[in-house]
Amino acid sequence: MGVSEILSQIDREIALLQQARALLAGSGAQTKKSTAAAAAKPAKKKRRLSPEGRKRIAEAVKRRWAEQRKAAGK
């Protein structure tokens, strides 16, 4: 076994150890794939409240506060 063969074998071992370390640290090649998949996922549509729903909530809040004021006045 020559010096160049030993060096190439050591380089291979270093590369394998670096890959193993990257996988254990969580910065492996899989994260690149998962970020691409996550970016491809469509964003959820924002839920909007209809004017009727907003009006019903406003009326319910007004009733609630009216009851609170009435109870506090007793």
PDB file of N, CA and C in Angstrom:
ATOM      1  N   MET A   1       0.840  -1.160   0.000  1.00  0.00           N
ATOM      2  CA  MET A   1       0.000   0.000   0.000  1.00  0.00           C
ATOM      3  C   MET A   1       0.901   1.243   0.000  1.00  0.00           C
ATOM      4  N   GLY A   2       0.689   2.077  -1.002  1.00  0.00           N
ATOM      5  CA  GLY A   2       1.502   3.278  -1.108  1.00  0.00           C
ATOM      6  C   GLY A   2       0.905   4.428  -0.322  1.00  0.00           C
ATOM      7  N   VAL A   3       1.672   5.491  -0.234  1.00  0.00           N
ATOM      8  CA  VAL A   3       1.239   6.668   0.510  1.00  0.00           C
ATOM      9  C   VAL A   3      -0.007   7.285  -0.127  1.00  0.00           C
ATOM     10  N   SER A   4      -0.054   7.330  -1.448  1.00  0.00           N
ATOM     11  CA  SER A   4      -1.214   7.923  -2.121  1.00  0.00           C
ATOM     12  C   SER A   4      -2.476   7.102  -1.878  1.00  0.00           C
ATOM     13  N   GLU A   5      -2.343   5.778  -1.810  1.00  0.00           N
ATOM     14  CA  GLU A   5      -3.499   4.925  -1.529  1.00  0.00           C
ATOM     15  C   GLU A   5      -3.999   5.144  -0.101  1.00  0.00           C
ATOM     16  N   ILE A   6      -3.060   5.275   0.820  1.00  0.00           N
ATOM     17  CA  ILE A   6      -3.438   5.511   2.217  1.00  0.00           C
ATOM     18  C   ILE A   6      -4.155   6.855   2.346  1.00  0.00           C
ATOM     19  N   LEU A   7      -3.615   7.880   1.677  1.00  0.00           N
ATOM     20  CA  LEU A   7      -4.238   9.200   1.728  1.00  0.00           C
ATOM     21  C   LEU A   7      -5.638   9.192   1.120  1.00  0.00           C
ATOM     22  N   SER A   8      -5.811   8.485   0.011  1.00  0.00           N
ATOM     23  CA  SER A   8      -7.135   8.430  -0.611  1.00  0.00           C
ATOM     24  C   SER A   8      -8.128   7.679   0.275  1.00  0.00           C
ATOM     25  N   GLN A   9      -7.656   6.644   0.949  1.00  0.00           N
ATOM     26  CA  GLN A   9      -8.529   5.906   1.861  1.00  0.00           C
ATOM     27  C   GLN A   9      -8.915   6.784   3.062  1.00  0.00           C
ATOM     28  N   ILE A  10      -7.954   7.535   3.576  1.00  0.00           N
ATOM     29  CA  ILE A  10      -8.245   8.446   4.685  1.00  0.00           C
ATOM     30  C   ILE A  10      -9.256   9.503   4.248  1.00  0.00           C
ATOM     31  N   ASP A  11      -9.087  10.029   3.022  1.00  0.00           N
ATOM     32  CA  ASP A  11     -10.031  11.023   2.499  1.00  0.00           C
ATOM     33  C   ASP A  11     -11.439  10.449   2.390  1.00  0.00           C
ATOM     34  N   ARG A  12     -11.547   9.188   1.965  1.00  0.00           N
ATOM     35  CA  ARG A  12     -12.860   8.542   1.881  1.00  0.00           C
ATOM     36  C   ARG A  12     -13.487   8.410   3.264  1.00  0.00           C
ATOM     37  N   GLU A  13     -12.660   8.012   4.240  1.00  0.00           N
ATOM     38  CA  GLU A  13     -13.163   7.873   5.606  1.00  0.00           C
ATOM     39  C   GLU A  13     -13.621   9.223   6.168  1.00  0.00           C
ATOM     40  N   ILE A  14     -12.856  10.267   5.876  1.00  0.00           N
ATOM     41  CA  ILE A  14     -13.224  11.607   6.339  1.00  0.00           C
ATOM     42  C   ILE A  14     -14.554  12.028   5.725  1.00  0.00           C
ATOM     43  N   ALA A  15     -14.727  11.761   4.440  1.00  0.00           N
ATOM     44  CA  ALA A  15     -15.975  12.122   3.766  1.00  0.00           C
ATOM     45  C   ALA A  15     -17.155  11.381   4.381  1.00  0.00           C
ATOM     46  N   LEU A  16     -16.986  10.102   4.672  1.00  0.00           N
ATOM     47  CA  LEU A  16     -18.056   9.323   5.298  1.00  0.00           C
ATOM     48  C   LEU A  16     -18.379   9.856   6.697  1.00  0.00           C
ATOM     49  N   LEU A  17     -17.340  10.181   7.457  1.00  0.00           N
ATOM     50  CA  LEU A  17     -17.566  10.714   8.799  1.00  0.00           C
ATOM     51  C   LEU A  17     -18.257  12.076   8.754  1.00  0.00           C
ATOM     52  N   GLN A  18     -17.905  12.906   7.782  1.00  0.00           N
ATOM     53  CA  GLN A  18     -18.555  14.205   7.654  1.00  0.00           C
ATOM     54  C   GLN A  18     -20.029  14.048   7.284  1.00  0.00           C
ATOM     55  N   GLN A  19     -20.330  13.082   6.422  1.00  0.00           N
ATOM     56  CA  GLN A  19     -21.729  12.827   6.070  1.00  0.00           C
ATOM     57  C   GLN A  19     -22.513  12.357   7.292  1.00  0.00           C
ATOM     58  N   ALA A  20     -21.905  11.447   8.065  1.00  0.00           N
ATOM     59  CA  ALA A  20     -22.571  10.940   9.262  1.00  0.00           C
ATOM     60  C   ALA A  20     -22.798  12.068  10.266  1.00  0.00           C
ATOM     61  N   ARG A  21     -21.810  12.941  10.425  1.00  0.00           N
ATOM     62  CA  ARG A  21     -21.942  14.070  11.348  1.00  0.00           C
ATOM     63  C   ARG A  21     -23.047  15.018  10.887  1.00  0.00           C
ATOM     64  N   ALA A  22     -23.106  15.269   9.589  1.00  0.00           N
ATOM     65  CA  ALA A  22     -24.126  16.170   9.058  1.00  0.00           C
ATOM     66  C   ALA A  22     -25.521  15.590   9.277  1.00  0.00           C
ATOM     67  N   LEU A  23     -25.673  14.293   9.108  1.00  0.00           N
ATOM     68  CA  LEU A  23     -26.975  13.664   9.336  1.00  0.00           C
ATOM     69  C   LEU A  23     -27.378  13.739  10.806  1.00  0.00           C
ATOM     70  N   LEU A  24     -26.408  13.506  11.687  1.00  0.00           N
ATOM     71  CA  LEU A  24     -26.710  13.561  13.114  1.00  0.00           C
ATOM     72  C   LEU A  24     -26.995  14.987  13.577  1.00  0.00           C
ATOM     73  N   ALA A  25     -26.329  15.950  12.977  1.00  0.00           N
ATOM     74  CA  ALA A  25     -26.527  17.348  13.358  1.00  0.00           C
ATOM     75  C   ALA A  25     -27.794  17.918  12.742  1.00  0.00           C
ATOM     76  N   GLY A  26     -28.371  17.221  11.777  1.00  0.00           N
ATOM     77  CA  GLY A  26     -29.600  17.690  11.161  1.00  0.00           C
ATOM     78  C   GLY A  26     -29.385  18.602   9.980  1.00  0.00           C
ATOM     79  N   SER A  27     -28.185  18.700   9.502  1.00  0.00           N
ATOM     80  CA  SER A  27     -27.925  19.567   8.348  1.00  0.00           C
ATOM     81  C   SER A  27     -27.536  18.731   7.139  1.00  0.00           C
ATOM     82  N   GLY A  28     -28.141  17.560   7.005  1.00  0.00           N
ATOM     83  CA  GLY A  28     -27.815  16.683   5.894  1.00  0.00           C
ATOM     84  C   GLY A  28     -28.495  17.093   4.612  1.00  0.00           C
ATOM     85  N   ALA A  29     -28.304  16.313   3.595  1.00  0.00           N
ATOM     86  CA  ALA A  29     -28.887  16.609   2.286  1.00  0.00           C
ATOM     87  C   ALA A  29     -30.408  16.480   2.314  1.00  0.00           C
ATOM     88  N   GLN A  30     -30.945  15.753   3.290  1.00  0.00           N
ATOM     89  CA  GLN A  30     -32.390  15.581   3.362  1.00  0.00           C
ATOM     90  C   GLN A  30     -33.099  16.894   3.644  1.00  0.00           C
ATOM     91  N   THR A  31     -32.442  17.792   4.364  1.00  0.00           N
ATOM     92  CA  THR A  31     -33.109  19.050   4.676  1.00  0.00           C
ATOM     93  C   THR A  31     -33.329  19.872   3.417  1.00  0.00           C
ATOM     94  N   LYS A  32     -32.431  19.778   2.457  1.00  0.00           N
ATOM     95  CA  LYS A  32     -32.622  20.506   1.213  1.00  0.00           C
ATOM     96  C   LYS A  32     -33.844  19.976   0.472  1.00  0.00           C
ATOM     97  N   LYS A  33     -34.016  18.665   0.479  1.00  0.00           N
ATOM     98  CA  LYS A  33     -35.176  18.083  -0.184  1.00  0.00           C
ATOM     99  C   LYS A  33     -36.459  18.460   0.545  1.00  0.00           C
ATOM    100  N   SER A  34     -36.416  18.437   1.867  1.00  0.00           N
ATOM    101  CA  SER A  34     -37.630  18.731   2.618  1.00  0.00           C
ATOM    102  C   SER A  34     -38.016  20.198   2.496  1.00  0.00           C
ATOM    103  N   THR A  35     -37.036  21.099   2.403  1.00  0.00           N
ATOM    104  CA  THR A  35     -37.390  22.508   2.242  1.00  0.00           C
ATOM    105  C   THR A  35     -37.987  22.749   0.868  1.00  0.00           C
ATOM    106  N   ALA A  36     -37.518  22.028  -0.132  1.00  0.00           N
ATOM    107  CA  ALA A  36     -38.098  22.181  -1.466  1.00  0.00           C
ATOM    108  C   ALA A  36     -39.532  21.655  -1.472  1.00  0.00           C
ATOM    109  N   ALA A  37     -39.764  20.566  -0.761  1.00  0.00           N
ATOM    110  CA  ALA A  37     -41.114  20.012  -0.698  1.00  0.00           C
ATOM    111  C   ALA A  37     -42.028  20.937   0.100  1.00  0.00           C
ATOM    112  N   ALA A  38     -41.501  21.534   1.147  1.00  0.00           N
ATOM    113  CA  ALA A  38     -42.314  22.438   1.956  1.00  0.00           C
ATOM    114  C   ALA A  38     -42.658  23.701   1.178  1.00  0.00           C
ATOM    115  N   ALA A  39     -41.744  24.161   0.361  1.00  0.00           N
ATOM    116  CA  ALA A  39     -42.000  25.362  -0.426  1.00  0.00           C
ATOM    117  C   ALA A  39     -43.029  25.086  -1.517  1.00  0.00           C
ATOM    118  N   ALA A  40     -43.095  23.848  -1.980  1.00  0.00           N
ATOM    119  CA  ALA A  40     -44.028  23.500  -3.041  1.00  0.00           C
ATOM    120  C   ALA A  40     -45.461  23.386  -2.520  1.00  0.00           C
ATOM    121  N   LYS A  41     -45.604  23.214  -1.191  1.00  0.00           N
ATOM    122  CA  LYS A  41     -46.931  23.063  -0.608  1.00  0.00           C
ATOM    123  C   LYS A  41     -47.678  24.392  -0.700  1.00  0.00           C
ATOM    124  N   PRO A  42     -48.899  24.394  -1.198  1.00  0.00           N
ATOM    125  CA  PRO A  42     -49.629  25.664  -1.328  1.00  0.00           C
ATOM    126  C   PRO A  42     -49.973  26.234   0.042  1.00  0.00           C
ATOM    127  N   ALA A  43     -49.946  27.531   0.141  1.00  0.00           N
ATOM    128  CA  ALA A  43     -50.267  28.201   1.399  1.00  0.00           C
ATOM    129  C   ALA A  43     -51.771  28.113   1.654  1.00  0.00           C
ATOM    130  N   LYS A  44     -52.125  28.032   2.919  1.00  0.00           N
ATOM    131  CA  LYS A  44     -53.543  27.972   3.266  1.00  0.00           C
ATOM    132  C   LYS A  44     -54.190  29.313   2.952  1.00  0.00           C
ATOM    133  N   LYS A  45     -55.434  29.241   2.490  1.00  0.00           N
ATOM    134  CA  LYS A  45     -56.169  30.472   2.226  1.00  0.00           C
ATOM    135  C   LYS A  45     -56.567  31.100   3.550  1.00  0.00           C
ATOM    136  N   LYS A  46     -56.516  32.419   3.594  1.00  0.00           N
ATOM    137  CA  LYS A  46     -56.892  33.136   4.798  1.00  0.00           C
ATOM    138  C   LYS A  46     -58.408  33.095   4.947  1.00  0.00           C
ATOM    139  N   ARG A  47     -58.846  32.750   6.139  1.00  0.00           N
ATOM    140  CA  ARG A  47     -60.284  32.688   6.392  1.00  0.00           C
ATOM    141  C   ARG A  47     -60.791  34.096   6.623  1.00  0.00           C
ATOM    142  N   ARG A  48     -61.897  34.399   5.994  1.00  0.00           N
ATOM    143  CA  ARG A  48     -62.474  35.736   6.115  1.00  0.00           C
ATOM    144  C   ARG A  48     -63.864  35.631   6.718  1.00  0.00           C
ATOM    145  N   LEU A  49     -64.184  36.634   7.484  1.00  0.00           N
ATOM    146  CA  LEU A  49     -65.487  36.685   8.128  1.00  0.00           C
ATOM    147  C   LEU A  49     -66.445  37.451   7.229  1.00  0.00           C
ATOM    148  N   SER A  50     -67.606  36.866   7.002  1.00  0.00           N
ATOM    149  CA  SER A  50     -68.595  37.536   6.151  1.00  0.00           C
ATOM    150  C   SER A  50     -69.184  38.728   6.905  1.00  0.00           C
ATOM    151  N   PRO A  51     -69.724  39.683   6.181  1.00  0.00           N
ATOM    152  CA  PRO A  51     -70.356  40.838   6.853  1.00  0.00           C
ATOM    153  C   PRO A  51     -71.483  40.415   7.789  1.00  0.00           C
ATOM    154  N   GLU A  52     -72.241  39.389   7.398  1.00  0.00           N
ATOM    155  CA  GLU A  52     -73.320  38.906   8.261  1.00  0.00           C
ATOM    156  C   GLU A  52     -72.755  38.319   9.551  1.00  0.00           C
ATOM    157  N   GLY A  53     -71.701  37.545   9.416  1.00  0.00           N
ATOM    158  CA  GLY A  53     -71.077  36.958  10.599  1.00  0.00           C
ATOM    159  C   GLY A  53     -70.501  38.019  11.518  1.00  0.00           C
ATOM    160  N   ARG A  54     -69.879  39.030  10.933  1.00  0.00           N
ATOM    161  CA  ARG A  54     -69.321  40.129  11.720  1.00  0.00           C
ATOM    162  C   ARG A  54     -70.434  40.866  12.475  1.00  0.00           C
ATOM    163  N   LYS A  55     -71.574  41.052  11.812  1.00  0.00           N
ATOM    164  CA  LYS A  55     -72.708  41.744  12.436  1.00  0.00           C
ATOM    165  C   LYS A  55     -73.259  40.930  13.607  1.00  0.00           C
ATOM    166  N   ARG A  56     -73.381  39.607  13.413  1.00  0.00           N
ATOM    167  CA  ARG A  56     -73.891  38.754  14.492  1.00  0.00           C
ATOM    168  C   ARG A  56     -72.966  38.792  15.703  1.00  0.00           C
ATOM    169  N   ILE A  57     -71.664  38.771  15.453  1.00  0.00           N
ATOM    170  CA  ILE A  57     -70.710  38.814  16.561  1.00  0.00           C
ATOM    171  C   ILE A  57     -70.804  40.155  17.286  1.00  0.00           C
ATOM    172  N   ALA A  58     -70.904  41.244  16.518  1.00  0.00           N
ATOM    173  CA  ALA A  58     -71.005  42.573  17.130  1.00  0.00           C
ATOM    174  C   ALA A  58     -72.254  42.667  18.002  1.00  0.00           C
ATOM    175  N   GLU A  59     -73.370  42.144  17.519  1.00  0.00           N
ATOM    176  CA  GLU A  59     -74.606  42.181  18.301  1.00  0.00           C
ATOM    177  C   GLU A  59     -74.480  41.346  19.568  1.00  0.00           C
ATOM    178  N   ALA A  60     -73.838  40.188  19.460  1.00  0.00           N
ATOM    179  CA  ALA A  60     -73.664  39.330  20.627  1.00  0.00           C
ATOM    180  C   ALA A  60     -72.778  40.011  21.670  1.00  0.00           C
ATOM    181  N   VAL A  61     -71.741  40.694  21.212  1.00  0.00           N
ATOM    182  CA  VAL A  61     -70.856  41.402  22.145  1.00  0.00           C
ATOM    183  C   VAL A  61     -71.607  42.536  22.829  1.00  0.00           C
ATOM    184  N   LYS A  62     -72.422  43.255  22.076  1.00  0.00           N
ATOM    185  CA  LYS A  62     -73.210  44.347  22.667  1.00  0.00           C
ATOM    186  C   LYS A  62     -74.180  43.810  23.711  1.00  0.00           C
ATOM    187  N   ARG A  63     -74.835  42.682  23.407  1.00  0.00           N
ATOM    188  CA  ARG A  63     -75.747  42.070  24.383  1.00  0.00           C
ATOM    189  C   ARG A  63     -74.986  41.658  25.640  1.00  0.00           C
ATOM    190  N   ARG A  64     -73.827  41.084  25.455  1.00  0.00           N
ATOM    191  CA  ARG A  64     -73.026  40.618  26.591  1.00  0.00           C
ATOM    192  C   ARG A  64     -72.646  41.790  27.489  1.00  0.00           C
ATOM    193  N   TRP A  65     -72.172  42.871  26.886  1.00  0.00           N
ATOM    194  CA  TRP A  65     -71.771  44.025  27.693  1.00  0.00           C
ATOM    195  C   TRP A  65     -72.977  44.705  28.335  1.00  0.00           C
ATOM    196  N   ALA A  66     -74.108  44.687  27.669  1.00  0.00           N
ATOM    197  CA  ALA A  66     -75.319  45.252  28.269  1.00  0.00           C
ATOM    198  C   ALA A  66     -75.697  44.457  29.514  1.00  0.00           C
ATOM    199  N   GLU A  67     -75.586  43.137  29.442  1.00  0.00           N
ATOM    200  CA  GLU A  67     -75.874  42.291  30.600  1.00  0.00           C
ATOM    201  C   GLU A  67     -74.875  42.556  31.717  1.00  0.00           C
ATOM    202  N   GLN A  68     -73.611  42.749  31.359  1.00  0.00           N
ATOM    203  CA  GLN A  68     -72.579  43.029  32.362  1.00  0.00           C
ATOM    204  C   GLN A  68     -72.871  44.351  33.083  1.00  0.00           C
ATOM    205  N   ARG A  69     -73.233  45.378  32.307  1.00  0.00           N
ATOM    206  CA  ARG A  69     -73.540  46.682  32.903  1.00  0.00           C
ATOM    207  C   ARG A  69     -74.785  46.599  33.789  1.00  0.00           C
ATOM    208  N   LYS A  70     -75.778  45.845  33.327  1.00  0.00           N
ATOM    209  CA  LYS A  70     -77.016  45.688  34.088  1.00  0.00           C
ATOM    210  C   LYS A  70     -76.737  44.975  35.412  1.00  0.00           C
ATOM    211  N   ALA A  71     -75.901  43.932  35.365  1.00  0.00           N
ATOM    212  CA  ALA A  71     -75.567  43.182  36.574  1.00  0.00           C
ATOM    213  C   ALA A  71     -74.724  44.030  37.525  1.00  0.00           C
ATOM    214  N   ALA A  72     -73.867  44.881  36.998  1.00  0.00           N
ATOM    215  CA  ALA A  72     -73.025  45.729  37.845  1.00  0.00           C
ATOM    216  C   ALA A  72     -73.844  46.833  38.498  1.00  0.00           C
ATOM    217  N   GLY A  73     -74.926  47.246  37.861  1.00  0.00           N
ATOM    218  CA  GLY A  73     -75.769  48.314  38.390  1.00  0.00           C
ATOM    219  C   GLY A  73     -76.618  47.872  39.561  1.00  0.00           C
ATOM    220  N   LYS A  74     -76.853  46.617  39.766  1.00  0.00           N
ATOM    221  CA  LYS A  74     -77.718  46.104  40.846  1.00  0.00           C
ATOM    222  C   LYS A  74     -77.097  46.268  42.195  1.00  0.00           C
TER     223      LYS A  74
END
